[in-house]
Amino acid sequence: MRRLSVPAVSTRLRRSVPRPARELVQRAVALRHFDAGVVDIPPLRAKRRHLLGLFRDGDHDSFVEAGTYLGDTVDFFLPYARRIVSVEIDEELWRKASARFSDHSQVEIVRGDAEQEIPRVLAGLGEPAFVWLDGHYSGEGTTRGEHYEPAVAILQNLSETGVSPGTTIVIDDLRLFGRLPEFPTLESLISTARAAWPNARIYTGLDSLVIAPQPA
């Protein structure tokens, strides 16, 4: 008898099991993951579509990023953003990304610590931007700045320099705040955002924290 592969079995089960039973199975799997302490990372495609949705919802033209790494998020936003500024602290990664996007006049790869560079970049733009904070230290092949995860420090600095009305700030890897000792607590992240922008809309979305400062 032919043995079915795992995908084939999954497909056949989805077709043969009634919907209520499927939902029970999915709930049981989810509970097992929860009990085991499994924290899933959203698929990359889903995360980027989430970002693009927020970018479009805010009617943004400029994309500003902390943590260029290989430049794949910059590449994704090329068809959508009129201007892209990405900050990378590691010299080798900065050099490679600069070469990768040398033919794209709307892209600027800035070398430096995002804690200082993101506020400087936003002050220079003079318009509301979509800000993607994904610049934490990631081990070998990356470089650490003053903080392992600088999001809280960046928000504190932005509260002093200010942001243009209509700016959207999105912080990645929300699942890790307060979970890993190297990351700030979730409470400190949210309280810093609230102290900086008391009227901001602050909500979660696909492993991220979204901060949308509102006019006073």
C-alpha atoms as a PDB file:
ATOM      1  CA  MET A   1       0.000   0.000   0.000  1.00  0.00           C
ATOM      2  CA  ARG A   2       1.332   3.466  -0.906  1.00  0.00           C
ATOM      3  CA  ARG A   3       2.343   5.524   2.121  1.00  0.00           C
ATOM      4  CA  LEU A   4       1.018   9.064   2.166  1.00  0.00           C
ATOM      5  CA  SER A   5       3.384  11.937   2.775  1.00  0.00           C
ATOM      6  CA  VAL A   6       2.703  14.311   5.654  1.00  0.00           C
ATOM      7  CA  PRO A   7       1.339  17.051   3.353  1.00  0.00           C
ATOM      8  CA  ALA A   8      -0.936  14.519   1.651  1.00  0.00           C
ATOM      9  CA  VAL A   9      -2.212  13.263   4.984  1.00  0.00           C
ATOM     10  CA  SER A  10      -2.846  16.832   6.159  1.00  0.00           C
ATOM     11  CA  THR A  11      -4.742  17.660   2.985  1.00  0.00           C
ATOM     12  CA  ARG A  12      -6.848  14.498   3.192  1.00  0.00           C
ATOM     13  CA  LEU A  13      -7.631  15.163   6.854  1.00  0.00           C
ATOM     14  CA  ARG A  14      -8.728  18.724   6.099  1.00  0.00           C
ATOM     15  CA  ARG A  15     -11.092  17.393   3.444  1.00  0.00           C
ATOM     16  CA  SER A  16     -12.506  14.521   5.449  1.00  0.00           C
ATOM     17  CA  VAL A  17     -12.824  15.965   8.957  1.00  0.00           C
ATOM     18  CA  PRO A  18     -15.887  18.143   9.571  1.00  0.00           C
ATOM     19  CA  ARG A  19     -15.147  21.784  10.267  1.00  0.00           C
ATOM     20  CA  PRO A  20     -16.081  21.724  13.995  1.00  0.00           C
ATOM     21  CA  ALA A  21     -13.722  18.775  14.511  1.00  0.00           C
ATOM     22  CA  ARG A  22     -10.959  20.543  12.600  1.00  0.00           C
ATOM     23  CA  GLU A  23     -11.343  23.555  14.854  1.00  0.00           C
ATOM     24  CA  LEU A  24     -11.054  21.327  17.926  1.00  0.00           C
ATOM     25  CA  VAL A  25      -7.874  19.772  16.539  1.00  0.00           C
ATOM     26  CA  GLN A  26      -6.413  23.205  15.797  1.00  0.00           C
ATOM     27  CA  ARG A  27      -7.284  24.375  19.295  1.00  0.00           C
ATOM     28  CA  ALA A  28      -5.624  21.327  20.827  1.00  0.00           C
ATOM     29  CA  VAL A  29      -2.462  21.924  18.802  1.00  0.00           C
ATOM     30  CA  ALA A  30      -2.439  25.563  19.865  1.00  0.00           C
ATOM     31  CA  LEU A  31      -2.785  24.593  23.524  1.00  0.00           C
ATOM     32  CA  ARG A  32       0.081  22.107  23.223  1.00  0.00           C
ATOM     33  CA  HIS A  33       2.250  24.861  21.775  1.00  0.00           C
ATOM     34  CA  PHE A  34       1.246  27.170  24.604  1.00  0.00           C
ATOM     35  CA  ASP A  35       1.948  24.569  27.283  1.00  0.00           C
ATOM     36  CA  ALA A  36       5.348  23.849  25.735  1.00  0.00           C
ATOM     37  CA  GLY A  37       6.254  27.539  25.722  1.00  0.00           C
ATOM     38  CA  VAL A  38       6.506  27.641  21.928  1.00  0.00           C
ATOM     39  CA  VAL A  39       6.452  31.176  20.545  1.00  0.00           C
ATOM     40  CA  ASP A  40       6.041  31.084  16.790  1.00  0.00           C
ATOM     41  CA  ILE A  41       7.587  33.650  14.459  1.00  0.00           C
ATOM     42  CA  PRO A  42       5.137  34.958  11.827  1.00  0.00           C
ATOM     43  CA  PRO A  43       5.965  33.951   8.243  1.00  0.00           C
ATOM     44  CA  LEU A  44       8.122  36.536   6.502  1.00  0.00           C
ATOM     45  CA  ARG A  45       5.581  37.047   3.728  1.00  0.00           C
ATOM     46  CA  ALA A  46       2.827  37.711   6.274  1.00  0.00           C
ATOM     47  CA  LYS A  47       4.993  40.163   8.196  1.00  0.00           C
ATOM     48  CA  ARG A  48       5.877  42.158   5.098  1.00  0.00           C
ATOM     49  CA  ARG A  49       2.282  42.303   3.919  1.00  0.00           C
ATOM     50  CA  HIS A  50       1.370  43.526   7.405  1.00  0.00           C
ATOM     51  CA  LEU A  51       3.967  46.291   7.133  1.00  0.00           C
ATOM     52  CA  LEU A  52       2.816  47.253   3.662  1.00  0.00           C
ATOM     53  CA  GLY A  53      -0.772  47.466   4.881  1.00  0.00           C
ATOM     54  CA  LEU A  54       0.235  49.855   7.667  1.00  0.00           C
ATOM     55  CA  PHE A  55       2.387  51.839   5.229  1.00  0.00           C
ATOM     56  CA  ARG A  56      -0.555  52.287   2.887  1.00  0.00           C
ATOM     57  CA  ASP A  57      -3.059  52.944   5.659  1.00  0.00           C
ATOM     58  CA  GLY A  58      -0.888  55.839   6.824  1.00  0.00           C
ATOM     59  CA  ASP A  59      -0.567  57.160   3.254  1.00  0.00           C
ATOM     60  CA  HIS A  60       3.207  57.248   3.686  1.00  0.00           C
ATOM     61  CA  ASP A  61       5.836  58.087   1.104  1.00  0.00           C
ATOM     62  CA  SER A  62       8.954  57.537   3.233  1.00  0.00           C
ATOM     63  CA  PHE A  63      10.162  54.298   4.826  1.00  0.00           C
ATOM     64  CA  VAL A  64      12.757  54.551   7.622  1.00  0.00           C
ATOM     65  CA  GLU A  65      14.335  51.407   9.050  1.00  0.00           C
ATOM     66  CA  ALA A  66      16.561  50.537  12.001  1.00  0.00           C
ATOM     67  CA  GLY A  67      18.588  47.440  11.122  1.00  0.00           C
ATOM     68  CA  THR A  68      19.309  47.016   7.407  1.00  0.00           C
ATOM     69  CA  TYR A  69      20.952  43.593   7.779  1.00  0.00           C
ATOM     70  CA  LEU A  70      20.967  42.110   4.235  1.00  0.00           C
ATOM     71  CA  GLY A  71      18.615  44.753   2.857  1.00  0.00           C
ATOM     72  CA  ASP A  72      15.691  42.479   2.026  1.00  0.00           C
ATOM     73  CA  THR A  73      13.067  44.735   3.647  1.00  0.00           C
ATOM     74  CA  VAL A  74      14.497  47.712   1.785  1.00  0.00           C
ATOM     75  CA  ASP A  75      14.221  45.697  -1.412  1.00  0.00           C
ATOM     76  CA  PHE A  76      10.601  44.826  -0.634  1.00  0.00           C
ATOM     77  CA  PHE A  77       9.640  48.490  -0.229  1.00  0.00           C
ATOM     78  CA  LEU A  78      11.354  49.715  -3.402  1.00  0.00           C
ATOM     79  CA  PRO A  79       8.131  49.694  -5.479  1.00  0.00           C
ATOM     80  CA  TYR A  80       6.114  51.423  -2.758  1.00  0.00           C
ATOM     81  CA  ALA A  81       8.233  54.113  -1.077  1.00  0.00           C
ATOM     82  CA  ARG A  82       9.382  57.337  -2.679  1.00  0.00           C
ATOM     83  CA  ARG A  83      12.250  57.553  -0.193  1.00  0.00           C
ATOM     84  CA  ILE A  84      13.923  54.842   1.892  1.00  0.00           C
ATOM     85  CA  VAL A  85      16.466  55.412   4.652  1.00  0.00           C
ATOM     86  CA  SER A  86      17.882  52.389   6.470  1.00  0.00           C
ATOM     87  CA  VAL A  87      20.322  52.522   9.393  1.00  0.00           C
ATOM     88  CA  GLU A  88      22.908  49.766   9.904  1.00  0.00           C
ATOM     89  CA  ILE A  89      25.547  49.765  12.634  1.00  0.00           C
ATOM     90  CA  ASP A  90      27.706  46.917  11.297  1.00  0.00           C
ATOM     91  CA  GLU A  91      30.328  48.169   8.846  1.00  0.00           C
ATOM     92  CA  GLU A  92      30.396  45.087   6.619  1.00  0.00           C
ATOM     93  CA  LEU A  93      26.597  44.864   6.387  1.00  0.00           C
ATOM     94  CA  TRP A  94      26.427  48.597   5.694  1.00  0.00           C
ATOM     95  CA  ARG A  95      29.008  48.249   2.931  1.00  0.00           C
ATOM     96  CA  LYS A  96      27.187  45.363   1.258  1.00  0.00           C
ATOM     97  CA  ALA A  97      23.786  47.057   1.460  1.00  0.00           C
ATOM     98  CA  SER A  98      25.220  50.299   0.096  1.00  0.00           C
ATOM     99  CA  ALA A  99      26.578  48.403  -2.896  1.00  0.00           C
ATOM    100  CA  ARG A 100      23.331  46.482  -3.363  1.00  0.00           C
ATOM    101  CA  PHE A 101      21.248  49.663  -3.650  1.00  0.00           C
ATOM    102  CA  SER A 102      23.793  51.935  -5.306  1.00  0.00           C
ATOM    103  CA  ASP A 103      21.631  52.148  -8.445  1.00  0.00           C
ATOM    104  CA  HIS A 104      18.512  53.208  -6.523  1.00  0.00           C
ATOM    105  CA  SER A 105      18.563  56.958  -5.958  1.00  0.00           C
ATOM    106  CA  GLN A 106      15.650  56.845  -3.504  1.00  0.00           C
ATOM    107  CA  VAL A 107      17.597  54.605  -1.090  1.00  0.00           C
ATOM    108  CA  GLU A 108      20.057  55.852   1.530  1.00  0.00           C
ATOM    109  CA  ILE A 109      21.920  53.374   3.734  1.00  0.00           C
ATOM    110  CA  VAL A 110      23.206  55.140   6.847  1.00  0.00           C
ATOM    111  CA  ARG A 111      25.930  53.685   9.011  1.00  0.00           C
ATOM    112  CA  GLY A 112      25.569  54.287  12.733  1.00  0.00           C
ATOM    113  CA  ASP A 113      23.719  53.440  15.920  1.00  0.00           C
ATOM    114  CA  ALA A 114      19.963  53.655  15.373  1.00  0.00           C
ATOM    115  CA  GLU A 115      19.528  55.253  18.808  1.00  0.00           C
ATOM    116  CA  GLN A 116      21.091  58.430  17.450  1.00  0.00           C
ATOM    117  CA  GLU A 117      20.536  58.061  13.719  1.00  0.00           C
ATOM    118  CA  ILE A 118      16.788  57.381  13.627  1.00  0.00           C
ATOM    119  CA  PRO A 119      15.901  60.670  15.430  1.00  0.00           C
ATOM    120  CA  ARG A 120      18.372  62.529  13.196  1.00  0.00           C
ATOM    121  CA  VAL A 121      16.920  61.016  10.024  1.00  0.00           C
ATOM    122  CA  LEU A 122      13.328  61.785  11.006  1.00  0.00           C
ATOM    123  CA  ALA A 123      14.214  65.361  11.938  1.00  0.00           C
ATOM    124  CA  GLY A 124      15.765  65.813   8.507  1.00  0.00           C
ATOM    125  CA  LEU A 125      12.825  64.366   6.576  1.00  0.00           C
ATOM    126  CA  GLY A 126      10.356  67.037   7.609  1.00  0.00           C
ATOM    127  CA  GLU A 127       7.406  64.786   6.802  1.00  0.00           C
ATOM    128  CA  PRO A 128       5.580  61.873   8.439  1.00  0.00           C
ATOM    129  CA  ALA A 129       7.384  58.602   7.840  1.00  0.00           C
ATOM    130  CA  PHE A 130       6.784  54.926   8.371  1.00  0.00           C
ATOM    131  CA  VAL A 131       9.407  53.850  10.912  1.00  0.00           C
ATOM    132  CA  TRP A 132      10.345  50.163  11.234  1.00  0.00           C
ATOM    133  CA  LEU A 133      12.448  49.379  14.317  1.00  0.00           C
ATOM    134  CA  ASP A 134      14.092  45.999  13.793  1.00  0.00           C
ATOM    135  CA  GLY A 135      17.678  46.717  14.780  1.00  0.00           C
ATOM    136  CA  HIS A 136      18.483  44.555  17.787  1.00  0.00           C
ATOM    137  CA  TYR A 137      21.724  42.590  18.095  1.00  0.00           C
ATOM    138  CA  SER A 138      21.414  39.197  16.418  1.00  0.00           C
ATOM    139  CA  GLY A 139      24.652  37.420  17.221  1.00  0.00           C
ATOM    140  CA  GLU A 140      27.579  36.593  14.960  1.00  0.00           C
ATOM    141  CA  GLY A 141      27.664  38.658  11.794  1.00  0.00           C
ATOM    142  CA  THR A 142      25.973  41.662  13.410  1.00  0.00           C
ATOM    143  CA  THR A 143      27.193  44.447  15.691  1.00  0.00           C
ATOM    144  CA  ARG A 144      25.760  45.548  18.990  1.00  0.00           C
ATOM    145  CA  GLY A 145      25.168  49.213  19.776  1.00  0.00           C
ATOM    146  CA  GLU A 146      24.837  50.730  23.222  1.00  0.00           C
ATOM    147  CA  HIS A 147      21.794  48.528  23.903  1.00  0.00           C
ATOM    148  CA  TYR A 148      21.107  44.943  22.837  1.00  0.00           C
ATOM    149  CA  GLU A 149      17.596  46.021  21.804  1.00  0.00           C
ATOM    150  CA  PRO A 150      17.495  49.814  21.308  1.00  0.00           C
ATOM    151  CA  ALA A 151      13.759  50.346  20.726  1.00  0.00           C
ATOM    152  CA  VAL A 152      13.050  51.900  24.122  1.00  0.00           C
ATOM    153  CA  ALA A 153      16.079  54.201  23.830  1.00  0.00           C
ATOM    154  CA  ILE A 154      15.011  55.232  20.325  1.00  0.00           C
ATOM    155  CA  LEU A 155      11.510  56.093  21.548  1.00  0.00           C
ATOM    156  CA  GLN A 156      12.987  58.143  24.394  1.00  0.00           C
ATOM    157  CA  ASN A 157      15.191  60.070  21.972  1.00  0.00           C
ATOM    158  CA  LEU A 158      12.281  60.608  19.576  1.00  0.00           C
ATOM    159  CA  SER A 159      10.195  62.012  22.415  1.00  0.00           C
ATOM    160  CA  GLU A 160      12.853  64.707  22.822  1.00  0.00           C
ATOM    161  CA  THR A 161      13.388  65.512  19.137  1.00  0.00           C
ATOM    162  CA  GLY A 162       9.741  65.050  18.143  1.00  0.00           C
ATOM    163  CA  VAL A 163       8.138  63.395  15.130  1.00  0.00           C
ATOM    164  CA  SER A 164       5.979  64.813  12.367  1.00  0.00           C
ATOM    165  CA  PRO A 165       2.209  64.354  12.824  1.00  0.00           C
ATOM    166  CA  GLY A 166       1.082  61.265  10.929  1.00  0.00           C
ATOM    167  CA  THR A 167       4.258  59.278  11.649  1.00  0.00           C
ATOM    168  CA  THR A 168       3.795  55.546  12.233  1.00  0.00           C
ATOM    169  CA  ILE A 169       6.314  53.630  14.369  1.00  0.00           C
ATOM    170  CA  VAL A 170       6.338  49.824  14.315  1.00  0.00           C
ATOM    171  CA  ILE A 171       8.549  47.758  16.635  1.00  0.00           C
ATOM    172  CA  ASP A 172       9.333  44.182  15.610  1.00  0.00           C
ATOM    173  CA  ASP A 173       9.671  41.001  17.700  1.00  0.00           C
ATOM    174  CA  LEU A 174       7.157  42.022  20.335  1.00  0.00           C
ATOM    175  CA  ARG A 175       7.072  38.429  21.601  1.00  0.00           C
ATOM    176  CA  LEU A 176      10.638  38.831  22.941  1.00  0.00           C
ATOM    177  CA  PHE A 177      10.099  41.931  25.102  1.00  0.00           C
ATOM    178  CA  GLY A 178      10.083  40.806  28.710  1.00  0.00           C
ATOM    179  CA  ARG A 179      10.688  37.229  27.599  1.00  0.00           C
ATOM    180  CA  LEU A 180      14.427  37.413  26.933  1.00  0.00           C
ATOM    181  CA  PRO A 181      16.682  38.986  29.573  1.00  0.00           C
ATOM    182  CA  GLU A 182      18.524  41.017  26.927  1.00  0.00           C
ATOM    183  CA  PHE A 183      15.308  42.749  25.859  1.00  0.00           C
ATOM    184  CA  PRO A 184      13.533  45.542  27.747  1.00  0.00           C
ATOM    185  CA  THR A 185      10.291  44.631  29.472  1.00  0.00           C
ATOM    186  CA  LEU A 186       7.044  44.983  27.592  1.00  0.00           C
ATOM    187  CA  GLU A 187       5.883  47.380  30.298  1.00  0.00           C
ATOM    188  CA  SER A 188       8.857  49.682  29.724  1.00  0.00           C
ATOM    189  CA  LEU A 189       8.278  49.660  25.965  1.00  0.00           C
ATOM    190  CA  ILE A 190       4.615  50.607  26.226  1.00  0.00           C
ATOM    191  CA  SER A 191       5.057  53.091  29.069  1.00  0.00           C
ATOM    192  CA  THR A 192       7.846  54.863  27.177  1.00  0.00           C
ATOM    193  CA  ALA A 193       5.636  55.168  24.105  1.00  0.00           C
ATOM    194  CA  ARG A 194       2.705  56.430  26.164  1.00  0.00           C
ATOM    195  CA  ALA A 195       4.852  58.966  28.022  1.00  0.00           C
ATOM    196  CA  ALA A 196       6.270  60.252  24.726  1.00  0.00           C
ATOM    197  CA  TRP A 197       2.908  60.516  22.967  1.00  0.00           C
ATOM    198  CA  PRO A 198      -0.016  60.543  25.420  1.00  0.00           C
ATOM    199  CA  ASN A 199      -2.577  60.735  22.615  1.00  0.00           C
ATOM    200  CA  ALA A 200      -1.021  58.024  20.441  1.00  0.00           C
ATOM    201  CA  ARG A 201      -2.888  54.992  19.188  1.00  0.00           C
ATOM    202  CA  ILE A 202      -0.895  52.037  20.496  1.00  0.00           C
ATOM    203  CA  TYR A 203      -1.832  48.519  19.483  1.00  0.00           C
ATOM    204  CA  THR A 204      -0.335  45.157  18.562  1.00  0.00           C
ATOM    205  CA  GLY A 205      -0.188  43.515  15.166  1.00  0.00           C
ATOM    206  CA  LEU A 206       1.565  40.363  13.993  1.00  0.00           C
ATOM    207  CA  ASP A 207       4.391  40.217  16.562  1.00  0.00           C
ATOM    208  CA  SER A 208       4.809  43.994  16.521  1.00  0.00           C
ATOM    209  CA  LEU A 209       3.815  47.064  18.481  1.00  0.00           C
ATOM    210  CA  VAL A 210       2.291  49.853  16.416  1.00  0.00           C
ATOM    211  CA  ILE A 211       2.538  53.436  17.668  1.00  0.00           C
ATOM    212  CA  ALA A 212       0.638  56.152  15.812  1.00  0.00           C
ATOM    213  CA  PRO A 213       1.189  59.544  17.498  1.00  0.00           C
ATOM    214  CA  GLN A 214      -1.850  61.810  17.194  1.00  0.00           C
ATOM    215  CA  PRO A 215      -1.984  65.620  17.131  1.00  0.00           C
ATOM    216  CA  ALA A 216      -2.309  67.099  20.624  1.00  0.00           C
END
